[in-house]
Amino acid sequence: MLERDLEAAISAAQAGAEVLMRHFRRLEPGQINEKTKHDLVSVADRESEAAIRAVLEARCPGYGFLGEETGASGDAAQRWVVDPLDGTLNFVQGFPHWCVSIGLEDEAGGRVACILDPLRGDCFTAARGQGALWNGKPMAVSSQGGLDGAFLALGFAYQMTPRLSQFMPVFEAALKRAKGLRRAGSAALDLAHTAAGLFDGFFELGLKPWDVSAGALLVEEAGGVLTDWHGDREAWRGTGDLIAGPRGVVSGMIALAQD
């Protein structure tokens, strides 16, 4: 069953990516809308989600669905969680850093995951209890033992501005100890790259389920840890306040957040 579900996720991600590649750097102004201030959606997002959903419903009938653009439907106990274009602002601006993110969740948490970066040809996959793969080869989080000298990914968006007073002290403290911080604009890819050991850790506030569903399973299956900013291993699923990475780095970030 896991193999079938993962194959479906990969096929659906490829279908979504094919749509996105047709639109990348070809969008017209009338094909882009603003859902809320500075929160964009385009015809590419919508068409990608439709293509993804068609594949998933054909391959795995009866599963529920939660998509960023079309919302929730069907069985919530076993559902696909889909971001058809993570990094929409990057995509709209023509900045080459975005992906398709597909996770399958059940009552025990993440079941399978696929994050596809079609521009680089990178496909990150995981199935519960079976490890995580990068283009078919096993991957693992980095061996970084703590915050000092770490290479960290982070995220923030305009919608997070009411919480800047919470975020900025942690950002400043991390900046003083890490060897580098990067904000590239796609939480899903940041998590995939953390699972692959490219980043030593990741932190952000207020993420949505479709931002983290696939990436969280990748990190877990790659040997990493996920918590909220208080160190709770489950609360991040509801709040979207997430720290992810190797155990030592996560512990260091939790300490900064509590200070």
Protein backbone atom coordinates (compact mmCIF):
# COMPACT_ATOMS: atom_id res chain seq x y z
CA MET A 1 0.00 0.00 0.00
CA LEU A 2 2.78 2.44 0.88
CA GLU A 3 4.47 1.77 -2.45
CA ARG A 4 1.24 2.42 -4.34
CA ASP A 5 0.60 5.64 -2.43
CA LEU A 6 4.13 6.90 -3.00
CA GLU A 7 3.97 6.12 -6.71
CA ALA A 8 0.71 8.07 -6.88
CA ALA A 9 2.30 11.05 -5.10
CA ILE A 10 5.26 11.06 -7.49
CA SER A 11 3.04 10.80 -10.57
CA ALA A 12 0.80 13.59 -9.30
CA ALA A 13 3.79 15.83 -8.53
CA GLN A 14 5.09 15.27 -12.04
CA ALA A 15 1.70 16.22 -13.49
CA GLY A 16 1.63 19.41 -11.44
CA ALA A 17 5.21 20.26 -12.36
CA GLU A 18 4.47 19.83 -16.05
CA VAL A 19 1.77 22.48 -15.76
CA LEU A 20 4.05 24.82 -13.85
CA MET A 21 6.89 24.52 -16.34
CA ARG A 22 4.55 25.61 -19.12
CA HIS A 23 3.72 28.78 -17.19
CA PHE A 24 7.08 29.69 -15.64
CA ARG A 25 8.20 33.15 -16.80
CA ARG A 26 5.23 33.24 -19.18
CA LEU A 27 2.46 34.53 -16.89
CA GLU A 28 0.49 37.59 -17.97
CA PRO A 29 -0.60 40.20 -15.39
CA GLY A 30 -4.23 39.13 -15.74
CA GLN A 31 -3.30 35.58 -14.72
CA ILE A 32 -2.15 36.67 -11.24
CA ASN A 33 -4.42 37.63 -8.35
CA GLU A 34 -3.97 38.70 -4.73
CA LYS A 35 -5.82 36.52 -2.16
CA THR A 36 -4.86 38.86 0.66
CA LYS A 37 -2.26 41.61 0.76
CA HIS A 38 0.97 40.31 -0.86
CA ASP A 39 -0.41 36.74 -0.87
CA LEU A 40 -0.55 35.85 -4.55
CA VAL A 41 -2.21 33.10 -6.53
CA SER A 42 -1.93 32.50 -10.26
CA VAL A 43 -3.51 30.43 -12.97
CA ALA A 44 -0.45 28.18 -12.61
CA ASP A 45 -1.31 27.35 -8.97
CA ARG A 46 -4.89 26.48 -9.85
CA GLU A 47 -4.10 24.41 -12.93
CA SER A 48 -1.34 22.55 -11.11
CA GLU A 49 -3.66 21.65 -8.25
CA ALA A 50 -6.32 20.44 -10.69
CA ALA A 51 -3.78 18.22 -12.46
CA ILE A 52 -2.47 16.84 -9.18
CA ARG A 53 -5.93 16.11 -7.84
CA ALA A 54 -6.98 14.31 -11.01
CA VAL A 55 -4.04 11.92 -10.73
CA LEU A 56 -4.52 11.28 -7.01
CA GLU A 57 -8.25 10.62 -7.33
CA ALA A 58 -7.66 8.21 -10.22
CA ARG A 59 -4.84 6.36 -8.47
CA CYS A 60 -6.18 6.38 -4.90
CA PRO A 61 -9.97 6.78 -4.91
CA GLY A 62 -11.63 7.43 -1.58
CA TYR A 63 -8.84 9.41 0.04
CA GLY A 64 -9.57 12.89 1.36
CA PHE A 65 -7.93 16.00 -0.03
CA LEU A 66 -6.63 19.27 1.38
CA GLY A 67 -5.22 21.68 -1.18
CA GLU A 68 -4.00 25.23 -0.74
CA GLU A 69 -6.27 26.48 -3.52
CA THR A 70 -9.40 24.31 -3.22
CA GLY A 71 -9.52 23.57 0.51
CA ALA A 72 -10.60 20.38 2.25
CA SER A 73 -12.93 17.62 1.11
CA GLY A 74 -13.52 13.94 1.77
CA ASP A 75 -12.07 11.73 4.48
CA ALA A 76 -9.99 13.79 6.90
CA ALA A 77 -8.63 10.63 8.57
CA GLN A 78 -6.65 9.76 5.44
CA ARG A 79 -6.02 12.64 3.10
CA TRP A 80 -3.61 14.14 0.64
CA VAL A 81 -2.18 17.51 1.69
CA VAL A 82 -1.08 19.44 -1.38
CA ASP A 83 0.72 22.64 -2.19
CA PRO A 84 0.59 22.76 -5.99
CA LEU A 85 3.16 25.56 -6.09
CA ASP A 86 5.16 26.31 -2.97
CA GLY A 87 6.95 29.58 -3.61
CA THR A 88 4.28 31.35 -5.64
CA LEU A 89 5.84 34.78 -5.23
CA ASN A 90 9.18 33.42 -6.47
CA PHE A 91 7.36 31.83 -9.42
CA VAL A 92 5.50 35.02 -10.31
CA GLN A 93 8.70 37.06 -10.13
CA GLY A 94 10.58 34.52 -12.24
CA PHE A 95 12.92 33.60 -9.38
CA PRO A 96 13.94 29.94 -9.90
CA HIS A 97 13.14 28.50 -6.47
CA TRP A 98 9.77 26.76 -6.08
CA CYS A 99 8.36 23.25 -5.98
CA VAL A 100 5.37 20.92 -5.84
CA SER A 101 4.69 19.42 -2.40
CA ILE A 102 2.45 16.39 -1.79
CA GLY A 103 1.99 14.58 1.50
CA LEU A 104 -0.37 11.81 2.54
CA GLU A 105 -1.46 11.81 6.18
CA ASP A 106 -3.47 9.39 8.28
CA GLU A 107 -4.30 9.14 11.96
CA ALA A 108 -0.67 8.22 12.76
CA GLY A 109 0.77 11.26 10.96
CA GLY A 110 2.70 11.43 7.71
CA ARG A 111 2.42 8.37 5.47
CA VAL A 112 4.18 9.26 2.22
CA ALA A 113 5.74 12.43 0.85
CA CYS A 114 7.02 13.83 -2.43
CA ILE A 115 8.60 17.24 -3.00
CA LEU A 116 9.54 17.86 -6.62
CA ASP A 117 11.80 20.67 -7.82
CA PRO A 118 11.46 20.42 -11.61
CA LEU A 119 13.94 23.19 -12.39
CA ARG A 120 16.79 21.24 -10.77
CA GLY A 121 15.45 17.77 -11.43
CA ASP A 122 15.33 17.03 -7.71
CA CYS A 123 12.74 14.62 -6.35
CA PHE A 124 12.65 14.08 -2.58
CA THR A 125 10.50 11.19 -1.33
CA ALA A 126 9.73 9.32 1.87
CA ALA A 127 7.45 6.60 3.18
CA ARG A 128 6.79 5.99 6.86
CA GLY A 129 9.37 3.69 8.37
CA GLN A 130 11.28 3.30 5.09
CA GLY A 131 13.64 6.28 5.15
CA ALA A 132 13.94 9.23 2.79
CA LEU A 133 15.37 9.42 -0.72
CA TRP A 134 16.83 12.14 -2.91
CA ASN A 135 16.53 11.14 -6.57
CA GLY A 136 16.29 7.53 -5.47
CA LYS A 137 19.32 7.56 -3.15
CA PRO A 138 19.13 7.54 0.68
CA MET A 139 19.50 10.91 2.36
CA ALA A 140 19.99 11.99 5.95
CA VAL A 141 20.01 15.20 7.96
CA SER A 142 23.40 16.75 8.59
CA SER A 143 25.73 15.70 11.37
CA GLN A 144 25.88 19.26 12.74
CA GLY A 145 25.92 18.91 16.52
CA GLY A 146 24.72 22.35 17.58
CA LEU A 147 23.87 25.89 16.63
CA ASP A 148 27.40 27.29 16.51
CA GLY A 149 28.57 27.22 12.90
CA ALA A 150 25.28 25.88 11.56
CA PHE A 151 23.93 26.72 8.09
CA LEU A 152 20.24 27.50 8.62
CA ALA A 153 17.16 28.09 6.51
CA LEU A 154 14.36 30.30 7.75
CA GLY A 155 11.12 31.72 6.53
CA PHE A 156 8.98 34.79 7.05
CA ALA A 157 6.19 36.38 5.07
CA TYR A 158 4.23 39.61 5.07
CA GLN A 159 1.39 37.82 6.89
CA MET A 160 3.77 37.14 9.79
CA THR A 161 4.40 40.83 10.54
CA PRO A 162 2.15 40.88 13.67
CA ARG A 163 4.57 38.35 15.20
CA LEU A 164 7.82 40.09 14.31
CA SER A 165 8.45 40.95 17.96
CA GLN A 166 8.56 37.20 18.64
CA PHE A 167 10.55 36.29 15.55
CA MET A 168 13.25 38.95 15.35
CA PRO A 169 15.04 38.30 18.67
CA VAL A 170 15.42 34.63 17.70
CA PHE A 171 16.60 35.61 14.22
CA GLU A 172 19.19 37.99 15.67
CA ALA A 173 20.45 35.45 18.18
CA ALA A 174 20.72 32.75 15.50
CA LEU A 175 22.54 35.16 13.18
CA LYS A 176 25.21 35.69 15.84
CA ARG A 177 25.90 31.96 16.17
CA ALA A 178 25.24 30.38 12.79
CA LYS A 179 27.70 30.59 9.92
CA GLY A 180 24.86 31.49 7.55
CA LEU A 181 21.12 32.11 7.33
CA ARG A 182 19.15 31.77 4.10
CA ARG A 183 15.58 32.79 3.32
CA ALA A 184 14.79 31.45 -0.15
CA GLY A 185 10.98 31.61 -0.08
CA SER A 186 9.78 27.99 -0.17
CA ALA A 187 9.28 26.26 3.18
CA ALA A 188 8.71 22.90 1.50
CA LEU A 189 12.04 23.07 -0.33
CA ASP A 190 13.76 24.32 2.82
CA LEU A 191 12.53 21.22 4.64
CA ALA A 192 13.56 18.94 1.79
CA HIS A 193 17.02 20.50 1.78
CA THR A 194 17.21 20.12 5.55
CA ALA A 195 16.32 16.44 5.20
CA ALA A 196 19.07 16.11 2.60
CA GLY A 197 21.66 17.71 4.87
CA LEU A 198 22.14 20.80 2.70
CA PHE A 199 20.81 22.94 5.54
CA ASP A 200 21.59 22.16 9.16
CA GLY A 201 18.16 23.31 10.31
CA PHE A 202 15.04 25.32 9.56
CA PHE A 203 12.73 27.60 11.54
CA GLU A 204 9.58 29.59 10.81
CA LEU A 205 6.33 30.75 12.43
CA GLY A 206 2.76 30.28 11.24
CA LEU A 207 3.16 27.73 8.48
CA LYS A 208 0.12 26.07 6.90
CA PRO A 209 -0.47 22.30 6.67
CA TRP A 210 0.31 22.21 2.95
CA ASP A 211 3.63 24.00 3.60
CA VAL A 212 4.92 21.29 5.93
CA SER A 213 3.08 18.00 5.38
CA ALA A 214 5.53 16.44 2.92
CA GLY A 215 8.65 18.15 4.25
CA ALA A 216 7.99 17.06 7.82
CA LEU A 217 7.92 13.39 6.87
CA LEU A 218 11.11 13.84 4.83
CA VAL A 219 12.91 15.28 7.85
CA GLU A 220 11.60 12.58 10.20
CA GLU A 221 12.55 9.75 7.86
CA ALA A 222 15.96 11.34 7.29
CA GLY A 223 16.66 11.12 11.02
CA GLY A 224 15.73 14.65 12.02
CA VAL A 225 13.56 16.15 14.73
CA LEU A 226 10.57 18.51 14.46
CA THR A 227 9.16 20.59 17.31
CA ASP A 228 7.36 23.84 17.90
CA TRP A 229 9.26 26.82 19.37
CA HIS A 230 8.67 25.46 22.89
CA GLY A 231 10.04 22.00 22.11
CA ASP A 232 6.66 20.28 21.75
CA ARG A 233 6.88 17.41 19.24
CA GLU A 234 3.21 17.64 18.21
CA ALA A 235 1.99 21.22 18.72
CA TRP A 236 3.65 22.48 15.52
CA ARG A 237 1.10 20.51 13.50
CA GLY A 238 -1.60 22.88 14.72
CA THR A 239 0.29 26.16 15.09
CA GLY A 240 2.71 25.94 12.17
CA ASP A 241 5.47 27.25 14.46
CA LEU A 242 8.26 24.90 13.44
CA ILE A 243 11.90 24.10 14.14
CA ALA A 244 13.40 21.18 12.19
CA GLY A 245 16.78 19.54 11.78
CA PRO A 246 19.31 17.40 13.63
CA ARG A 247 18.64 17.01 17.34
CA GLY A 248 21.48 19.27 18.53
CA VAL A 249 20.55 22.13 16.22
CA VAL A 250 16.87 21.88 17.15
CA SER A 251 17.76 21.94 20.86
CA GLY A 252 19.87 25.04 20.31
CA MET A 253 17.06 26.81 18.46
CA ILE A 254 14.54 25.92 21.18
CA ALA A 255 16.89 27.45 23.77
CA LEU A 256 17.08 30.68 21.74
CA ALA A 257 13.31 30.82 21.42
CA GLN A 258 12.85 30.36 25.16
CA ASP A 259 15.47 32.98 26.01
